[in-house]
Amino acid sequence: MSGVPVSRTVFYISDGTGITAEALGHSLLTQFDDALFRPPIRIPFVNSTEKAREAAARIAAEKEKSGVRPLVFSTLVSPELTEIVHNVDALCLSLIETFVAPLEAELGVRSTHTIGRSHGLTDTSDYKNRIEAINYTFAHDDGVSDGGLEEADVILVGVSRCGKTPTSLYLAMQFGLKAANFPLIPEDFERNQLPGALGSHRSKLFGLTILPERLAQIREERRPGSRYASLENCRSEVRAAERLMKREGIRWLDSSSKSIEEISTTVVQEIRVERIAPR
């Protein structure tokens, strides 16, 4: 393949939330480093012929505007809705068609082709546990509260703006884990000790670190021109945090070039939490 790559528009279309279509589509597209993609367009809850025609019209309009075929990742279950959406000038990839037909052949059983079946796979107790985990994580974000840490499945530590909060929320929402997080601040480095409440929960601790250059970039967006965001200060804090975590025997991960999904999965593997709600 040669020539200058053109920028493509990517659609994620589903009769549900579209999370599955986007997750798989994103994973596939990351394999193409030289390809260019515009911000994705998500069209969830396409559960009627009217909505399917609207989705098809948006795809066709994008093709007309850009002059190149869009990419469409679909998890539509209904053959009728799938046909409407796929009857456009685009590369349409149906996750259901790709995987369900081979499974039917292998299992010798016909699929129900029923919209929204995945919702029935999660029982009420799992849903309740996940909501409790999210509420717990919000209540224990950024060291706001050190009460109830005995209930935590994992406690993330690291310097400010290294990715603790989004990772905590992802752990709660995707894995149903109660995740607390605490910032490591200059006062901790001066004392050369962890925040007071964490010592008795050492087995639950997991650290995040980050390249100072990346940290300075993130902080500069939040507090432009401040000492907090200066590269010198970021280098000092990162060095001190890594030194402290090493002394305390805390496992840690560099979050600089990793996605929230990658970080969270690594945390789960490292702390070996057994009670994980299914996704």
Protein backbone atom coordinates (compact mmCIF):
# COMPACT_ATOMS: atom_id res chain seq x y z
CA MET A 1 0.00 0.00 0.00
CA SER A 2 1.33 3.46 -0.85
CA GLY A 3 0.40 7.08 -1.09
CA VAL A 4 -0.64 9.64 1.50
CA PRO A 5 -3.32 8.23 3.83
CA VAL A 6 -6.65 10.04 3.87
CA SER A 7 -8.47 10.84 7.06
CA ARG A 8 -11.43 8.54 7.62
CA THR A 9 -14.55 8.99 9.70
CA VAL A 10 -15.41 6.10 12.01
CA PHE A 11 -18.96 5.26 13.10
CA TYR A 12 -19.86 3.06 16.07
CA ILE A 13 -23.46 1.91 15.77
CA SER A 14 -25.42 -0.26 18.18
CA ASP A 15 -28.90 -1.12 19.38
CA GLY A 16 -27.47 -0.69 22.90
CA THR A 17 -24.88 1.68 24.35
CA GLY A 18 -22.28 1.03 21.66
CA ILE A 19 -19.53 0.33 24.19
CA THR A 20 -18.76 -3.10 22.71
CA ALA A 21 -18.61 -1.79 19.12
CA GLU A 22 -16.33 1.05 20.15
CA ALA A 23 -14.04 -1.12 22.27
CA LEU A 24 -13.43 -3.66 19.51
CA GLY A 25 -13.31 -1.07 16.74
CA HIS A 26 -10.79 1.03 18.65
CA SER A 27 -8.63 -2.03 19.33
CA LEU A 28 -8.59 -2.89 15.63
CA LEU A 29 -7.81 0.63 14.45
CA THR A 30 -4.85 1.01 16.82
CA GLN A 31 -3.10 -1.62 14.71
CA PHE A 32 -2.78 0.92 11.87
CA ASP A 33 -0.21 3.49 12.98
CA ASP A 34 -0.06 5.31 9.64
CA ALA A 35 -3.83 5.64 9.18
CA LEU A 36 -5.62 8.90 9.95
CA PHE A 37 -9.01 9.04 11.64
CA ARG A 38 -11.38 11.87 12.46
CA PRO A 39 -13.11 11.99 15.87
CA PRO A 40 -15.50 9.00 15.98
CA ILE A 41 -19.27 9.33 15.66
CA ARG A 42 -21.26 7.20 18.09
CA ILE A 43 -24.87 6.30 17.33
CA PRO A 44 -26.32 4.19 20.16
CA PHE A 45 -29.81 2.76 20.67
CA VAL A 46 -30.54 2.12 16.98
CA ASN A 47 -33.50 -0.14 17.73
CA SER A 48 -36.06 0.77 15.05
CA THR A 49 -36.18 1.07 11.28
CA GLU A 50 -36.55 4.84 11.62
CA LYS A 51 -33.37 5.13 13.67
CA ALA A 52 -31.54 2.76 11.33
CA ARG A 53 -32.47 4.95 8.34
CA GLU A 54 -31.31 8.04 10.23
CA ALA A 55 -27.98 6.35 10.95
CA ALA A 56 -27.61 5.33 7.30
CA ALA A 57 -28.34 8.90 6.22
CA ARG A 58 -25.61 10.24 8.53
CA ILE A 59 -23.10 7.77 7.11
CA ALA A 60 -24.06 8.68 3.54
CA ALA A 61 -23.81 12.40 4.32
CA GLU A 62 -20.35 11.93 5.79
CA LYS A 63 -19.24 10.05 2.68
CA GLU A 64 -20.60 12.85 0.49
CA LYS A 65 -18.86 15.53 2.56
CA SER A 66 -15.46 13.88 2.92
CA GLY A 67 -15.28 12.06 -0.40
CA VAL A 68 -13.96 8.87 1.23
CA ARG A 69 -15.83 5.87 2.55
CA PRO A 70 -16.42 5.94 6.30
CA LEU A 71 -15.69 2.94 8.51
CA VAL A 72 -18.68 1.50 10.36
CA PHE A 73 -18.43 -0.86 13.32
CA SER A 74 -21.83 -2.28 14.17
CA THR A 75 -23.26 -4.51 16.89
CA LEU A 76 -26.81 -4.40 15.53
CA VAL A 77 -28.57 -7.71 16.21
CA SER A 78 -31.61 -7.35 13.94
CA PRO A 79 -30.88 -8.48 10.34
CA GLU A 80 -33.42 -5.92 9.11
CA LEU A 81 -31.71 -3.00 10.85
CA THR A 82 -28.29 -4.27 9.83
CA GLU A 83 -29.32 -4.38 6.19
CA ILE A 84 -30.57 -0.78 6.30
CA VAL A 85 -27.35 0.54 7.83
CA HIS A 86 -25.06 -1.58 5.67
CA ASN A 87 -26.78 -0.49 2.46
CA VAL A 88 -24.54 2.57 2.22
CA ASP A 89 -21.23 3.25 0.52
CA ALA A 90 -19.00 2.50 3.51
CA LEU A 91 -16.91 -0.31 4.94
CA CYS A 92 -19.43 -1.86 7.34
CA LEU A 93 -18.16 -4.45 9.80
CA SER A 94 -20.82 -6.30 11.78
CA LEU A 95 -19.54 -7.88 14.96
CA ILE A 96 -22.71 -9.96 15.24
CA GLU A 97 -22.45 -11.35 11.70
CA THR A 98 -18.73 -11.98 12.09
CA PHE A 99 -18.98 -13.97 15.30
CA VAL A 100 -22.55 -15.28 15.65
CA ALA A 101 -22.68 -17.26 12.38
CA PRO A 102 -19.52 -19.30 13.16
CA LEU A 103 -20.80 -19.90 16.69
CA GLU A 104 -24.15 -21.14 15.36
CA ALA A 105 -22.32 -23.54 13.06
CA GLU A 106 -20.06 -24.79 15.82
CA LEU A 107 -22.74 -25.11 18.51
CA GLY A 108 -25.44 -26.43 16.21
CA VAL A 109 -27.87 -23.97 17.78
CA ARG A 110 -29.57 -20.93 16.29
CA SER A 111 -28.97 -17.58 17.92
CA THR A 112 -32.03 -15.80 19.32
CA HIS A 113 -31.02 -12.57 17.47
CA THR A 114 -32.72 -10.69 20.29
CA ILE A 115 -31.90 -7.04 20.94
CA GLY A 116 -30.57 -6.20 24.38
CA ARG A 117 -29.87 -9.76 25.57
CA SER A 118 -26.64 -8.70 27.29
CA HIS A 119 -28.60 -6.74 29.87
CA GLY A 120 -30.08 -9.93 31.22
CA LEU A 121 -26.65 -11.44 31.86
CA THR A 122 -25.99 -9.19 34.83
CA ASP A 123 -28.14 -9.94 37.85
CA THR A 124 -29.44 -7.42 40.36
CA SER A 125 -26.76 -8.12 42.97
CA ASP A 126 -23.95 -7.52 40.48
CA TYR A 127 -25.52 -4.23 39.41
CA LYS A 128 -25.95 -3.19 43.03
CA ASN A 129 -22.31 -4.04 43.81
CA ARG A 130 -21.13 -1.97 40.87
CA ILE A 131 -23.16 1.07 41.95
CA GLU A 132 -21.81 0.71 45.50
CA ALA A 133 -18.27 0.56 44.11
CA ILE A 134 -18.79 3.75 42.10
CA ASN A 135 -20.24 5.60 45.10
CA TYR A 136 -17.38 4.39 47.29
CA THR A 137 -14.80 5.52 44.75
CA PHE A 138 -16.30 8.99 44.46
CA ALA A 139 -16.29 9.30 48.27
CA HIS A 140 -12.64 8.26 48.48
CA ASP A 141 -11.20 10.27 45.61
CA ASP A 142 -7.99 12.26 46.04
CA GLY A 143 -7.68 11.47 49.76
CA VAL A 144 -10.99 13.17 50.61
CA SER A 145 -11.74 10.50 53.21
CA ASP A 146 -9.57 7.92 54.95
CA GLY A 147 -12.55 6.29 56.67
CA GLY A 148 -13.66 2.86 55.57
CA LEU A 149 -10.40 1.96 53.85
CA GLU A 150 -10.81 -1.58 55.15
CA GLU A 151 -13.58 -1.91 52.53
CA ALA A 152 -11.31 -0.88 49.65
CA ASP A 153 -10.25 -3.45 47.09
CA VAL A 154 -7.37 -1.26 45.95
CA ILE A 155 -5.83 2.05 47.00
CA LEU A 156 -3.96 3.99 44.33
CA VAL A 157 -1.16 6.39 45.28
CA GLY A 158 0.95 8.77 43.22
CA VAL A 159 1.69 12.43 42.58
CA SER A 160 -1.11 14.78 41.63
CA ARG A 161 -2.40 14.41 38.02
CA CYS A 162 -0.74 11.08 37.26
CA GLY A 163 -4.05 9.35 36.43
CA LYS A 164 -5.31 8.08 39.79
CA THR A 165 -8.88 9.40 39.55
CA PRO A 166 -9.80 8.14 36.05
CA THR A 167 -8.20 4.79 36.82
CA SER A 168 -10.14 4.51 40.07
CA LEU A 169 -13.42 5.26 38.34
CA TYR A 170 -12.70 2.78 35.55
CA LEU A 171 -11.94 0.07 38.12
CA ALA A 172 -15.27 0.79 39.80
CA MET A 173 -17.37 0.99 36.65
CA GLN A 174 -15.81 -1.85 34.66
CA PHE A 175 -14.69 -4.25 37.38
CA GLY A 176 -16.99 -3.34 40.26
CA LEU A 177 -14.02 -2.65 42.56
CA LYS A 178 -14.02 -0.20 45.44
CA ALA A 179 -11.03 1.96 44.59
CA ALA A 180 -9.68 4.73 46.81
CA ASN A 181 -6.85 7.02 45.78
CA PHE A 182 -4.45 9.28 47.67
CA PRO A 183 -2.08 11.92 46.30
CA LEU A 184 1.55 11.88 47.41
CA ILE A 185 2.40 15.48 48.27
CA PRO A 186 5.54 17.40 49.33
CA GLU A 187 4.66 16.99 53.02
CA ASP A 188 4.76 13.20 52.57
CA PHE A 189 8.18 13.47 50.93
CA GLU A 190 9.51 15.68 53.73
CA ARG A 191 8.37 13.13 56.33
CA ASN A 192 9.49 10.30 54.03
CA GLN A 193 6.28 8.51 54.98
CA LEU A 194 3.01 7.52 53.38
CA PRO A 195 -0.14 9.43 54.35
CA GLY A 196 -0.99 8.29 57.89
CA ALA A 197 -4.01 6.09 57.19
CA LEU A 198 -2.33 3.97 54.51
CA GLY A 199 0.23 2.12 56.58
CA SER A 200 -2.21 -0.50 57.80
CA HIS A 201 -3.51 -1.21 54.27
CA ARG A 202 -0.18 -1.85 52.57
CA SER A 203 -1.36 -4.97 50.74
CA LYS A 204 -4.00 -2.91 48.89
CA LEU A 205 -1.64 -0.18 47.72
CA PHE A 206 -0.67 0.27 44.09
CA GLY A 207 1.32 3.21 42.79
CA LEU A 208 1.16 5.21 39.59
CA THR A 209 4.08 7.24 38.31
CA ILE A 210 4.56 9.31 35.18
CA LEU A 211 7.30 10.93 33.11
CA PRO A 212 8.01 14.42 34.49
CA GLU A 213 7.71 15.94 31.00
CA ARG A 214 4.24 14.48 30.54
CA LEU A 215 3.23 15.52 34.06
CA ALA A 216 4.36 19.09 33.43
CA GLN A 217 2.30 19.19 30.24
CA ILE A 218 -0.84 17.99 32.06
CA ARG A 219 -0.37 20.36 34.98
CA GLU A 220 0.35 23.31 32.69
CA GLU A 221 -3.14 22.91 31.22
CA ARG A 222 -4.59 23.09 34.72
CA ARG A 223 -2.39 25.81 36.25
CA PRO A 224 -0.47 27.64 33.51
CA GLY A 225 2.84 29.19 34.56
CA SER A 226 2.71 27.87 38.12
CA ARG A 227 5.53 26.26 40.10
CA TYR A 228 3.18 23.29 40.47
CA ALA A 229 3.40 22.76 36.70
CA SER A 230 7.11 23.54 36.26
CA LEU A 231 9.28 20.77 34.87
CA GLU A 232 11.76 21.20 37.72
CA ASN A 233 9.04 20.67 40.33
CA CYS A 234 7.52 17.74 38.43
CA ARG A 235 10.91 16.04 38.25
CA SER A 236 11.43 16.55 41.97
CA GLU A 237 7.99 15.18 42.91
CA VAL A 238 8.23 12.15 40.62
CA ARG A 239 11.69 11.25 41.96
CA ALA A 240 10.53 11.63 45.55
CA ALA A 241 7.34 9.61 44.96
CA GLU A 242 9.19 6.75 43.28
CA ARG A 243 11.79 6.75 46.05
CA LEU A 244 9.05 6.61 48.69
CA MET A 245 7.12 3.85 46.92
CA LYS A 246 10.30 1.83 46.51
CA ARG A 247 11.18 2.20 50.18
CA GLU A 248 7.65 1.17 51.20
CA GLY A 249 7.65 -1.85 48.86
CA ILE A 250 4.72 -0.57 46.79
CA ARG A 251 4.28 -1.92 43.27
CA TRP A 252 3.91 0.82 40.70
CA LEU A 253 3.30 1.42 37.02
CA ASP A 254 4.31 4.22 34.66
CA SER A 255 1.08 5.68 33.27
CA SER A 256 2.74 8.02 30.73
CA SER A 257 1.93 6.12 27.56
CA LYS A 258 -0.71 3.66 28.73
CA SER A 259 -4.48 3.87 28.36
CA ILE A 260 -6.82 3.77 31.35
CA GLU A 261 -7.89 0.30 30.21
CA GLU A 262 -4.29 -0.96 30.20
CA ILE A 263 -3.50 0.58 33.58
CA SER A 264 -6.66 -0.81 35.18
CA THR A 265 -6.15 -4.31 33.82
CA THR A 266 -2.57 -4.32 35.11
CA VAL A 267 -3.74 -3.17 38.54
CA VAL A 268 -6.32 -5.97 38.69
CA GLN A 269 -3.71 -8.55 37.72
CA GLU A 270 -1.17 -7.25 40.21
CA ILE A 271 -3.43 -7.03 43.25
CA ARG A 272 -5.17 -10.31 42.32
CA VAL A 273 -8.63 -9.24 43.43
CA GLU A 274 -10.94 -12.25 43.43
CA ARG A 275 -14.23 -10.41 43.80
CA ILE A 276 -14.70 -8.83 40.39
CA ALA A 277 -18.14 -8.15 38.97
CA PRO A 278 -18.56 -9.38 35.39
CA ARG A 279 -18.72 -6.76 32.62
